[in-house]
Protein backbone atom coordinates (compact mmCIF):
# COMPACT_ATOMS: atom_id res chain seq x y z
CA MET A 1 131.18 97.94 99.00
CA PHE A 2 129.88 100.73 96.93
CA GLU A 3 127.53 97.77 94.93
CA LYS A 4 126.26 96.48 98.45
CA LEU A 5 125.74 100.48 99.36
CA ALA A 6 123.80 101.56 96.26
CA THR A 7 121.62 98.24 96.57
CA VAL A 8 120.91 99.69 100.17
CA ILE A 9 120.11 103.22 98.85
CA GLY A 10 117.86 102.13 95.96
CA GLY A 11 115.98 100.19 97.95
CA ILE A 12 115.38 102.88 100.60
CA VAL A 13 114.41 105.21 97.90
CA LEU A 14 111.93 102.70 95.88
CA ILE A 15 110.59 102.31 99.53
CA ILE A 16 109.91 106.24 99.76
CA LEU A 17 108.38 106.26 96.04
CA ALA A 18 106.15 103.53 97.11
CA ILE A 19 104.51 105.40 100.03
CA ALA A 20 104.65 108.62 97.96
CA GLY A 21 102.11 106.67 95.51
CA VAL A 22 100.03 104.74 97.55
CA SER A 23 99.36 108.08 99.64
CA ILE A 24 98.15 109.92 96.80
CA VAL A 25 96.27 106.73 95.29
CA MET A 26 94.51 107.03 99.03
CA ALA A 27 94.15 110.69 98.45
CA TYR A 28 91.38 110.49 95.42
CA PRO A 29 88.71 109.74 97.62
CA VAL A 30 88.94 112.02 99.59
CA LYS A 31 89.30 114.76 97.10
CA TRP A 32 86.29 113.20 95.25
CA LEU A 33 84.50 113.22 98.27
CA VAL A 34 85.26 116.96 99.23
CA ASN A 35 84.85 118.03 95.54
CA TYR A 36 81.29 116.24 94.51
CA LEU A 37 80.17 116.30 97.95
CA PHE A 38 80.15 119.61 99.39
CA THR A 39 78.69 122.44 96.96
CA PRO A 40 81.29 124.80 95.98
CA GLY A 41 79.60 127.95 98.25
CA VAL A 42 80.43 125.71 101.26
CA LEU A 43 83.97 124.86 100.14
CA MET A 44 84.47 128.62 99.39
CA ALA A 45 82.94 129.35 102.76
CA VAL A 46 85.08 127.08 105.18
CA PHE A 47 88.09 126.45 103.02
CA GLY A 48 88.72 129.45 100.74
CA VAL A 49 88.58 127.45 97.24
CA THR A 50 86.33 125.75 94.85
CA LYS A 51 88.07 123.01 94.57
CA PHE A 52 90.07 120.51 96.12
CA SER A 53 93.47 119.48 94.88
CA ILE A 54 94.85 116.12 95.76
CA TRP A 55 97.73 117.81 97.45
CA ARG A 56 95.32 119.74 99.60
CA ALA A 57 92.95 115.96 99.96
CA LEU A 58 96.92 114.57 100.82
CA TRP A 59 96.91 116.67 103.66
CA LEU A 60 93.81 116.56 105.01
CA SER A 61 93.89 112.60 104.92
CA VAL A 62 97.18 112.98 106.93
CA LEU A 63 95.28 115.88 109.54
CA CYS A 64 92.50 113.78 110.01
CA GLY A 65 94.83 110.55 110.65
CA LEU A 66 96.53 112.38 113.44
CA LEU A 67 93.69 113.85 114.72
CA PHE A 68 91.67 110.54 114.69
CA LYS A 69 93.66 107.68 115.35
CA SER A 70 92.86 105.19 117.98
CA THR A 71 95.77 104.30 120.46
CA VAL A 72 93.77 102.14 122.62
CA SER A 73 94.91 98.73 122.47
CA SER A 74 93.17 95.68 124.05
CA SER A 75 96.08 92.87 125.53
CA LYS A 76 94.07 89.80 126.67
């Protein structure tokens, strides 16, 4: 019984770690775009920072996903 519970908990932890890893990998293009597309003066004026960290890029991508997600569905 404890082996089955440990397997289930291990699977859940593995899934959470995989989602976190994919999220961090997907935040790197956002970080690159913000850091190298905008000049440091714009970053300082808008966000108050000179360089975006990976965590800021992750939260920015999550925020944009929540704000701009399409909920339109078509059924035929």
